[in-house]
N, C-alpha and C. Protein backbone atom coordinates (compact mmCIF):
# COMPACT_ATOMS: atom_id res chain seq x y z
N TYR A 1 0.85 -1.19 0.00
CA TYR A 1 0.00 0.00 0.00
C TYR A 1 0.87 1.23 0.00
N ASP A 2 0.70 2.08 -1.01
CA ASP A 2 1.53 3.27 -1.12
C ASP A 2 0.80 4.56 -0.74
N GLY A 3 -0.42 4.45 -0.20
CA GLY A 3 -1.14 5.62 0.25
C GLY A 3 -1.79 6.41 -0.87
N SER A 4 -1.72 5.93 -2.09
CA SER A 4 -2.26 6.70 -3.20
C SER A 4 -3.38 5.95 -3.92
N ILE A 5 -4.20 5.27 -3.15
CA ILE A 5 -5.34 4.56 -3.72
C ILE A 5 -6.63 5.15 -3.19
N ASN A 6 -7.73 4.78 -3.79
CA ASN A 6 -9.05 5.18 -3.33
C ASN A 6 -9.42 4.26 -2.17
N PHE A 7 -8.96 4.61 -0.99
CA PHE A 7 -9.04 3.75 0.19
C PHE A 7 -10.46 3.25 0.47
N MET A 8 -11.45 4.15 0.49
CA MET A 8 -12.81 3.73 0.84
C MET A 8 -13.37 2.76 -0.19
N LEU A 9 -13.11 2.97 -1.45
CA LEU A 9 -13.61 2.05 -2.46
C LEU A 9 -12.98 0.67 -2.30
N THR A 10 -11.73 0.61 -1.89
CA THR A 10 -11.11 -0.70 -1.69
C THR A 10 -11.76 -1.44 -0.51
N ARG A 11 -12.38 -0.70 0.41
CA ARG A 11 -13.03 -1.31 1.57
C ARG A 11 -14.50 -1.63 1.32
N LEU A 12 -15.14 -0.87 0.45
CA LEU A 12 -16.59 -1.01 0.23
C LEU A 12 -16.95 -1.95 -0.91
N THR A 13 -16.01 -2.30 -1.74
CA THR A 13 -16.34 -3.11 -2.90
C THR A 13 -15.80 -4.53 -2.73
N PRO A 14 -16.57 -5.52 -3.20
CA PRO A 14 -16.17 -6.91 -3.00
C PRO A 14 -14.86 -7.27 -3.70
N ASP A 15 -14.59 -6.66 -4.83
CA ASP A 15 -13.35 -6.99 -5.55
C ASP A 15 -12.22 -6.01 -5.22
N ARG A 16 -12.45 -5.18 -4.19
CA ARG A 16 -11.45 -4.21 -3.72
C ARG A 16 -10.96 -3.31 -4.86
N CYS A 17 -11.90 -2.93 -5.74
CA CYS A 17 -11.50 -2.00 -6.80
C CYS A 17 -11.13 -0.68 -6.14
N GLY A 18 -10.45 0.15 -6.84
CA GLY A 18 -10.00 1.42 -6.29
C GLY A 18 -8.50 1.49 -6.16
N THR A 19 -7.85 0.34 -6.28
CA THR A 19 -6.39 0.32 -6.15
C THR A 19 -5.70 0.90 -7.38
N GLU A 20 -6.50 1.21 -8.41
CA GLU A 20 -5.93 1.75 -9.64
C GLU A 20 -5.67 3.25 -9.54
N GLY A 21 -5.92 3.83 -8.36
CA GLY A 21 -5.68 5.26 -8.17
C GLY A 21 -6.48 6.10 -9.13
N GLU A 22 -5.81 6.98 -9.88
CA GLU A 22 -6.52 7.89 -10.78
C GLU A 22 -7.15 7.16 -11.96
N ASN A 23 -6.84 5.89 -12.17
CA ASN A 23 -7.43 5.11 -13.25
C ASN A 23 -8.61 4.26 -12.77
N THR A 24 -9.07 4.50 -11.55
CA THR A 24 -10.22 3.77 -11.02
C THR A 24 -11.45 4.08 -11.87
N THR A 25 -12.18 3.05 -12.20
CA THR A 25 -13.30 3.20 -13.14
C THR A 25 -14.55 3.78 -12.50
N GLU A 26 -15.42 4.30 -13.35
CA GLU A 26 -16.74 4.76 -12.93
C GLU A 26 -17.54 3.59 -12.38
N GLU A 27 -17.35 2.42 -12.95
CA GLU A 27 -18.05 1.21 -12.50
C GLU A 27 -17.69 0.90 -11.03
N CYS A 28 -16.46 1.08 -10.66
CA CYS A 28 -16.04 0.88 -9.28
C CYS A 28 -16.77 1.86 -8.37
N LEU A 29 -16.83 3.13 -8.77
CA LEU A 29 -17.54 4.15 -8.00
C LEU A 29 -19.00 3.76 -7.84
N GLU A 30 -19.64 3.33 -8.89
CA GLU A 30 -21.05 2.95 -8.84
C GLU A 30 -21.27 1.75 -7.92
N THR A 31 -20.31 0.83 -7.87
CA THR A 31 -20.40 -0.32 -6.96
C THR A 31 -20.39 0.15 -5.51
N GLY A 32 -19.53 1.12 -5.21
CA GLY A 32 -19.50 1.70 -3.86
C GLY A 32 -20.80 2.40 -3.52
N LYS A 33 -21.35 3.15 -4.46
CA LYS A 33 -22.63 3.83 -4.24
C LYS A 33 -23.75 2.82 -4.00
N GLU A 34 -23.72 1.74 -4.76
CA GLU A 34 -24.75 0.71 -4.62
C GLU A 34 -24.76 0.15 -3.20
N LEU A 35 -23.61 -0.09 -2.64
CA LEU A 35 -23.54 -0.59 -1.27
C LEU A 35 -24.05 0.46 -0.29
N LEU A 36 -23.63 1.71 -0.42
CA LEU A 36 -24.06 2.76 0.51
C LEU A 36 -25.57 2.97 0.47
N ARG A 37 -26.18 2.77 -0.68
CA ARG A 37 -27.64 2.92 -0.77
C ARG A 37 -28.37 1.92 0.12
N ARG A 38 -27.72 0.84 0.49
CA ARG A 38 -28.34 -0.20 1.31
C ARG A 38 -28.24 0.11 2.81
N PHE A 39 -27.44 1.09 3.19
CA PHE A 39 -27.27 1.44 4.59
C PHE A 39 -28.48 2.23 5.09
N THR A 40 -28.88 1.97 6.30
CA THR A 40 -29.99 2.70 6.91
C THR A 40 -29.53 4.09 7.33
N TYR A 41 -28.38 4.20 7.93
CA TYR A 41 -27.86 5.48 8.40
C TYR A 41 -26.45 5.68 7.89
N ILE A 42 -26.19 6.88 7.43
CA ILE A 42 -24.85 7.28 7.03
C ILE A 42 -24.55 8.57 7.76
N LEU A 43 -23.38 8.64 8.36
CA LEU A 43 -22.96 9.84 9.09
C LEU A 43 -21.78 10.46 8.36
N ASP A 44 -21.79 11.77 8.26
CA ASP A 44 -20.73 12.52 7.62
C ASP A 44 -19.70 12.89 8.68
N VAL A 45 -18.44 12.55 8.45
CA VAL A 45 -17.40 12.84 9.43
C VAL A 45 -17.21 14.34 9.66
N LYS A 46 -17.65 15.14 8.70
CA LYS A 46 -17.49 16.59 8.83
C LYS A 46 -18.27 17.14 10.03
N CYS A 47 -19.39 16.49 10.37
CA CYS A 47 -20.17 16.90 11.55
C CYS A 47 -20.57 15.63 12.32
N LEU A 48 -19.58 14.85 12.67
CA LEU A 48 -19.80 13.55 13.29
C LEU A 48 -20.54 13.65 14.62
N ASP A 49 -20.19 14.59 15.46
CA ASP A 49 -20.87 14.72 16.76
C ASP A 49 -22.37 14.95 16.58
N GLU A 50 -22.72 15.84 15.67
CA GLU A 50 -24.13 16.12 15.41
C GLU A 50 -24.82 14.90 14.80
N GLY A 51 -24.09 14.17 13.96
CA GLY A 51 -24.63 12.95 13.38
C GLY A 51 -24.89 11.89 14.43
N LEU A 52 -23.96 11.76 15.37
CA LEU A 52 -24.14 10.78 16.46
C LEU A 52 -25.33 11.17 17.33
N GLU A 53 -25.49 12.47 17.58
CA GLU A 53 -26.64 12.92 18.37
C GLU A 53 -27.95 12.61 17.63
N ALA A 54 -27.99 12.86 16.33
CA ALA A 54 -29.19 12.58 15.55
C ALA A 54 -29.47 11.09 15.50
N LEU A 55 -28.43 10.28 15.35
CA LEU A 55 -28.58 8.83 15.33
C LEU A 55 -29.11 8.33 16.66
N ALA A 56 -28.56 8.85 17.74
CA ALA A 56 -29.04 8.46 19.08
C ALA A 56 -30.52 8.80 19.22
N GLY A 57 -30.92 9.97 18.74
CA GLY A 57 -32.32 10.37 18.79
C GLY A 57 -33.19 9.43 17.97
N GLU A 58 -32.72 9.05 16.79
CA GLU A 58 -33.48 8.13 15.93
C GLU A 58 -33.66 6.78 16.62
N LEU A 59 -32.65 6.34 17.35
CA LEU A 59 -32.67 5.02 17.97
C LEU A 59 -33.19 5.05 19.41
N GLY A 60 -33.49 6.25 19.92
CA GLY A 60 -34.01 6.37 21.27
C GLY A 60 -32.96 6.22 22.36
N PHE A 61 -31.73 6.57 22.04
CA PHE A 61 -30.64 6.51 23.03
C PHE A 61 -30.27 7.92 23.47
N SER A 62 -29.60 8.00 24.59
CA SER A 62 -29.01 9.28 24.98
C SER A 62 -27.50 9.10 24.97
N LEU A 63 -26.82 10.14 24.60
CA LEU A 63 -25.37 10.09 24.53
C LEU A 63 -24.76 10.85 25.69
N PRO A 64 -23.56 10.45 26.10
CA PRO A 64 -22.86 11.28 27.08
C PRO A 64 -22.49 12.61 26.42
N TYR A 65 -22.10 13.55 27.20
CA TYR A 65 -21.74 14.87 26.70
C TYR A 65 -20.67 14.74 25.61
N LEU A 66 -20.91 15.38 24.50
CA LEU A 66 -19.93 15.42 23.42
C LEU A 66 -19.30 16.81 23.41
N ASN A 67 -18.00 16.87 23.43
CA ASN A 67 -17.29 18.14 23.42
C ASN A 67 -17.17 18.64 21.99
N LYS A 68 -18.13 19.46 21.57
CA LYS A 68 -18.15 19.96 20.21
C LYS A 68 -17.38 21.27 20.13
N ASP A 69 -16.49 21.33 19.17
CA ASP A 69 -15.75 22.56 18.89
C ASP A 69 -16.27 23.17 17.60
N SER A 70 -17.57 23.43 17.53
CA SER A 70 -18.17 23.95 16.31
C SER A 70 -17.59 25.30 15.91
N GLY A 71 -17.11 26.05 16.86
CA GLY A 71 -16.60 27.37 16.55
C GLY A 71 -15.16 27.39 16.08
N LYS A 72 -14.46 26.26 16.17
CA LYS A 72 -13.05 26.28 15.78
C LYS A 72 -12.90 26.34 14.27
N THR A 73 -11.85 26.95 13.83
CA THR A 73 -11.58 27.12 12.41
C THR A 73 -10.88 25.88 11.89
N GLN A 74 -11.42 25.33 10.81
CA GLN A 74 -10.79 24.18 10.16
C GLN A 74 -9.71 24.65 9.21
N VAL A 75 -8.56 24.03 9.27
CA VAL A 75 -7.50 24.31 8.32
C VAL A 75 -7.76 23.43 7.10
N SER A 76 -7.62 23.99 5.93
CA SER A 76 -7.89 23.23 4.71
C SER A 76 -6.89 22.09 4.55
N ALA A 77 -7.28 21.08 3.77
CA ALA A 77 -6.39 19.96 3.51
C ALA A 77 -5.12 20.43 2.82
N ARG A 78 -5.27 21.35 1.90
CA ARG A 78 -4.09 21.89 1.20
C ARG A 78 -3.10 22.50 2.19
N GLU A 79 -3.64 23.25 3.17
CA GLU A 79 -2.77 23.89 4.18
C GLU A 79 -2.13 22.83 5.09
N ARG A 80 -2.90 21.81 5.48
CA ARG A 80 -2.35 20.76 6.34
C ARG A 80 -1.22 19.99 5.64
N ILE A 81 -1.39 19.73 4.35
CA ILE A 81 -0.37 18.99 3.59
C ILE A 81 0.85 19.86 3.35
N GLY A 82 0.62 21.14 3.03
CA GLY A 82 1.72 22.09 2.92
C GLY A 82 2.56 21.98 1.67
N ASP A 83 2.14 21.19 0.70
CA ASP A 83 2.89 21.03 -0.54
C ASP A 83 1.88 20.90 -1.67
N ASP A 84 1.82 21.91 -2.55
CA ASP A 84 0.80 21.91 -3.60
C ASP A 84 0.92 20.73 -4.55
N GLU A 85 2.15 20.35 -4.88
CA GLU A 85 2.34 19.22 -5.80
C GLU A 85 1.83 17.92 -5.18
N LEU A 86 2.13 17.70 -3.91
CA LEU A 86 1.65 16.51 -3.21
C LEU A 86 0.14 16.55 -3.08
N TYR A 87 -0.40 17.70 -2.78
CA TYR A 87 -1.86 17.85 -2.64
C TYR A 87 -2.55 17.48 -3.95
N GLU A 88 -2.07 17.98 -5.07
CA GLU A 88 -2.66 17.68 -6.37
C GLU A 88 -2.52 16.20 -6.71
N PHE A 89 -1.41 15.59 -6.35
CA PHE A 89 -1.19 14.15 -6.56
C PHE A 89 -2.23 13.34 -5.78
N ILE A 90 -2.44 13.69 -4.53
CA ILE A 90 -3.43 12.99 -3.69
C ILE A 90 -4.83 13.15 -4.28
N LEU A 91 -5.16 14.36 -4.72
CA LEU A 91 -6.48 14.57 -5.35
C LEU A 91 -6.67 13.68 -6.57
N ARG A 92 -5.66 13.63 -7.42
CA ARG A 92 -5.77 12.81 -8.64
C ARG A 92 -5.92 11.33 -8.30
N ARG A 93 -5.08 10.85 -7.41
CA ARG A 93 -5.04 9.42 -7.11
C ARG A 93 -6.26 8.94 -6.33
N ASN A 94 -6.96 9.84 -5.67
CA ASN A 94 -8.12 9.48 -4.85
C ASN A 94 -9.41 10.11 -5.33
N GLN A 95 -9.45 10.50 -6.59
CA GLN A 95 -10.58 11.22 -7.14
C GLN A 95 -11.90 10.48 -6.93
N ARG A 96 -11.93 9.17 -7.13
CA ARG A 96 -13.18 8.42 -6.99
C ARG A 96 -13.65 8.39 -5.54
N ASP A 97 -12.74 8.34 -4.59
CA ASP A 97 -13.12 8.43 -3.18
C ASP A 97 -13.76 9.79 -2.88
N PHE A 98 -13.18 10.85 -3.42
CA PHE A 98 -13.75 12.18 -3.21
C PHE A 98 -15.14 12.28 -3.84
N GLU A 99 -15.31 11.68 -5.02
CA GLU A 99 -16.62 11.68 -5.66
C GLU A 99 -17.64 10.91 -4.82
N LEU A 100 -17.21 9.76 -4.27
CA LEU A 100 -18.09 8.96 -3.42
C LEU A 100 -18.50 9.74 -2.17
N TYR A 101 -17.55 10.43 -1.56
CA TYR A 101 -17.84 11.22 -0.37
C TYR A 101 -18.84 12.34 -0.69
N GLU A 102 -18.59 13.08 -1.76
CA GLU A 102 -19.50 14.17 -2.13
C GLU A 102 -20.91 13.63 -2.39
N TRP A 103 -21.00 12.52 -3.08
CA TRP A 103 -22.30 11.91 -3.37
C TRP A 103 -22.99 11.45 -2.08
N SER A 104 -22.22 10.85 -1.17
CA SER A 104 -22.81 10.29 0.05
C SER A 104 -23.33 11.35 1.01
N LYS A 105 -22.90 12.59 0.87
CA LYS A 105 -23.41 13.66 1.73
C LYS A 105 -24.92 13.78 1.62
N GLY A 106 -25.46 13.46 0.45
CA GLY A 106 -26.91 13.52 0.26
C GLY A 106 -27.65 12.43 1.01
N LEU A 107 -26.95 11.38 1.44
CA LEU A 107 -27.56 10.30 2.19
C LEU A 107 -27.33 10.44 3.70
N SER A 108 -26.46 11.34 4.08
CA SER A 108 -26.10 11.49 5.49
C SER A 108 -27.30 11.90 6.33
N LEU A 109 -27.36 11.35 7.53
CA LEU A 109 -28.44 11.65 8.46
C LEU A 109 -28.50 13.15 8.78
N VAL A 110 -27.36 13.79 8.89
CA VAL A 110 -27.29 15.22 9.16
C VAL A 110 -26.67 15.92 7.95
N ASN A 111 -27.30 16.99 7.53
CA ASN A 111 -26.80 17.79 6.43
C ASN A 111 -25.79 18.78 7.01
N CYS A 112 -24.51 18.47 6.89
CA CYS A 112 -23.46 19.30 7.49
C CYS A 112 -23.43 20.71 6.91
N SER A 113 -23.70 20.85 5.63
CA SER A 113 -23.69 22.18 5.01
C SER A 113 -24.77 23.06 5.62
N ALA A 114 -25.96 22.50 5.83
CA ALA A 114 -27.04 23.27 6.45
C ALA A 114 -26.68 23.60 7.89
N LEU A 115 -25.99 22.70 8.56
CA LEU A 115 -25.56 22.93 9.93
C LEU A 115 -24.58 24.09 9.99
N GLU A 116 -23.63 24.12 9.06
CA GLU A 116 -22.67 25.23 9.01
C GLU A 116 -23.39 26.55 8.78
N GLU A 117 -24.35 26.55 7.86
CA GLU A 117 -25.11 27.77 7.58
C GLU A 117 -25.87 28.21 8.83
N GLU A 118 -26.40 27.24 9.57
CA GLU A 118 -27.17 27.53 10.78
C GLU A 118 -26.28 28.19 11.84
N LEU A 119 -25.01 27.83 11.89
CA LEU A 119 -24.10 28.42 12.86
C LEU A 119 -23.94 29.93 12.63
N PHE A 120 -24.07 30.34 11.37
CA PHE A 120 -23.88 31.75 11.04
C PHE A 120 -25.19 32.48 10.80
N ASP A 121 -26.30 31.80 11.04
CA ASP A 121 -27.63 32.36 10.80
C ASP A 121 -28.36 32.45 12.13
N ASP A 122 -29.02 33.55 12.38
CA ASP A 122 -29.73 33.72 13.65
C ASP A 122 -31.09 33.04 13.64
N ASP A 123 -31.55 32.56 12.51
CA ASP A 123 -32.85 31.90 12.40
C ASP A 123 -32.80 30.57 13.15
N ASP A 124 -33.79 30.31 13.99
CA ASP A 124 -33.81 29.09 14.80
C ASP A 124 -34.44 27.90 14.09
N ASP A 125 -34.75 28.00 12.82
CA ASP A 125 -35.40 26.93 12.08
C ASP A 125 -34.36 25.90 11.65
N ASN A 126 -34.33 24.74 12.30
CA ASN A 126 -33.33 23.70 12.03
C ASN A 126 -33.84 22.64 11.07
N ASN A 127 -34.92 22.87 10.37
CA ASN A 127 -35.54 21.83 9.57
C ASN A 127 -34.65 21.26 8.48
N ASP A 128 -33.69 22.01 7.99
CA ASP A 128 -32.84 21.52 6.91
C ASP A 128 -31.62 20.76 7.41
N ILE A 129 -31.37 20.77 8.71
CA ILE A 129 -30.17 20.15 9.23
C ILE A 129 -30.27 18.63 9.22
N ILE A 130 -31.38 18.08 9.69
CA ILE A 130 -31.54 16.63 9.72
C ILE A 130 -32.25 16.20 8.46
N ASN A 131 -31.64 15.28 7.73
CA ASN A 131 -32.25 14.74 6.52
C ASN A 131 -33.32 13.76 6.94
N ASN A 132 -34.51 14.26 7.27
CA ASN A 132 -35.57 13.39 7.77
C ASN A 132 -36.69 13.23 6.76
N ASP A 133 -36.31 13.15 5.51
CA ASP A 133 -37.28 12.90 4.44
C ASP A 133 -37.99 11.58 4.73
N ASP A 134 -39.33 11.59 4.67
CA ASP A 134 -40.10 10.39 4.97
C ASP A 134 -39.72 9.22 4.09
N ASP A 135 -39.26 9.50 2.88
CA ASP A 135 -38.91 8.43 1.96
C ASP A 135 -37.44 8.03 2.06
N PHE A 136 -36.68 8.68 2.95
CA PHE A 136 -35.24 8.47 3.02
C PHE A 136 -34.89 7.00 3.19
N ASN A 137 -35.40 6.35 4.22
CA ASN A 137 -35.02 4.97 4.48
C ASN A 137 -35.59 4.01 3.44
N ASP A 138 -36.85 4.18 3.08
CA ASP A 138 -37.48 3.24 2.17
C ASP A 138 -36.93 3.34 0.75
N SER A 139 -36.78 4.55 0.23
CA SER A 139 -36.38 4.70 -1.16
C SER A 139 -34.93 4.30 -1.37
N ALA A 140 -34.13 4.36 -0.34
CA ALA A 140 -32.73 3.99 -0.47
C ALA A 140 -32.54 2.48 -0.41
N GLY A 141 -33.57 1.74 -0.04
CA GLY A 141 -33.47 0.29 0.03
C GLY A 141 -32.53 -0.17 1.13
N ASN A 142 -32.56 0.51 2.24
CA ASN A 142 -31.63 0.23 3.33
C ASN A 142 -31.93 -1.08 4.04
N ASP A 143 -30.89 -1.69 4.56
CA ASP A 143 -31.06 -2.97 5.24
C ASP A 143 -30.57 -2.96 6.68
N GLY A 144 -30.40 -1.78 7.28
CA GLY A 144 -30.07 -1.69 8.70
C GLY A 144 -28.60 -1.45 8.99
N ASN A 145 -27.78 -1.19 8.00
CA ASN A 145 -26.37 -0.93 8.23
C ASN A 145 -26.17 0.52 8.62
N VAL A 146 -25.09 0.78 9.33
CA VAL A 146 -24.74 2.14 9.73
C VAL A 146 -23.32 2.40 9.27
N LEU A 147 -23.10 3.52 8.64
CA LEU A 147 -21.75 3.92 8.24
C LEU A 147 -21.46 5.26 8.85
């Protein structure tokens, strides 16, 4: 493993496709999407604490106190890596993983983008934060998995 593969696709697909890096096929991406469509709950790591709280609410559990640093500034991946050439290499080699992540945001229990907007908006209407579409679970063909 050289760190330049589509890591999530190699874990989500039965034939471990994704090891081709930037040459990973669209078919491999679609195989990963097909599996994620079967999950009942998907949580976005970008707002994991809020996702865990929403999941606990869905399942009727209570969680211990979560130390949320919602106000802290995130440093971009480019800044964390600190080398533009390496950053571009990683983007190319993991493009299908990035596509899968962007696509999966629409299935996530919590809409992180709406949550971010809510942090900067004084309106108390949180209806867009939790993806609670009545057809969410049924139309996705979920089978009880959690990611």
